[in-house]
Amino acid sequence: MSISKRSVALVGVGAIGTPILRAFLNNPNHPTVIVLTRPESKTKDIPAELSPASRIAVDYTDIDTLASVFREHSIEVVVSALPPPGYKAQYALADAAKASGTVKLFVPSEWGSPTEGAKEKGEENIFAVKDGVAEYLVKIGLPYTRFFTGLFMGYVPWVVGSDVDGNVHIQGKGDTPFSVTSQEDIGGFVAHVLTSLPLDSPELVNACLRIQGQQITLRQFARVVNKPIVTVPREELIPGSSREEQSFKAFLQSHIEEGMAVTGWDHKSEKVLEGATGSANKLWEGHVWQTIGSTF
């Protein structure tokens, strides 16, 4: 089945937006890509190798202007790569996408552990915030695809404080498996499925795609990278550049320890669904996923 050339709007170019953009531009289906950034964004210039993508500075709260941009460029897919401070902007982006008349699929900023059902369960955390965006997309009738990826592989040293002193700082036992996926693989997978599948495919429409490069524990990570383990009591802090960063590292390690950081996790049943972890990997047939051992 022949797939027409796609037109994609990527919102934000950062830790995950950049590899997604790179994968779109290198994809054999050659989609047309525009990058939306805030006028005040520090990302003033797209890296030279990514220059084929047009950069458009726009106020994310200006629904009419956003809708006009989407229409002008015949955008079919909006991919949000916004970091946590920008999650609320996705409501206006969604309204603009709906109003444009051209957007057929919206990809909200997930890029981590599963969030489906977190808001319904009454959680008050980053997972519930993400889940709320998806709930809004359903409310306005805009189809979505959510990508649950586990932790970014390249960020694991940061989570354990190795970026500070080279040691692996573990709060808890550190023997609970969690999902990690390289940012390069995430970008490649996103570009692959969004350019090779029909946009009305049940694999995409209101779907949660759970991928995984590897499943590992914090103690196994320490062994693979050959770094000493430092046990951190609950009342102490994991090394970081600020109290906010230290607290977030502790939150992520607690999330891992509780078994919620695998991509098969289900908030409603509070358990890992059988066969769900990495279940979407099959959509990228023949791809060899990166591992901790091949990355570090």
Foldseek 3Di string as FASTA:
>chain_A
DDFAAAEEEEEDCDDQNVLLLVLLCPPPSNHAYEYEYAPPDPPPDDPPVSVSHHYDHDDLQPLVVLLVVCLVRLHAEYEYQDPPVCQVSVLSNLSSLLVNVRHQEYEHHDAAAALACVVVVVDDDPSNSSNVSLVVCVVSVRWYEYEHEFAALVCQCVLQQCVPPNAREAEPDQFFKAFYAHSNVVSNVVSLCVRPDPSPDPCTGNYYQAAGLDIDTSVRLCVLVVHHYDYDYPVDWRDDDDPVSRVVSVVVSVCRNLNRRFRQADPVVRGRDPCRGRVNVVVVPPDRTDDSNNPD
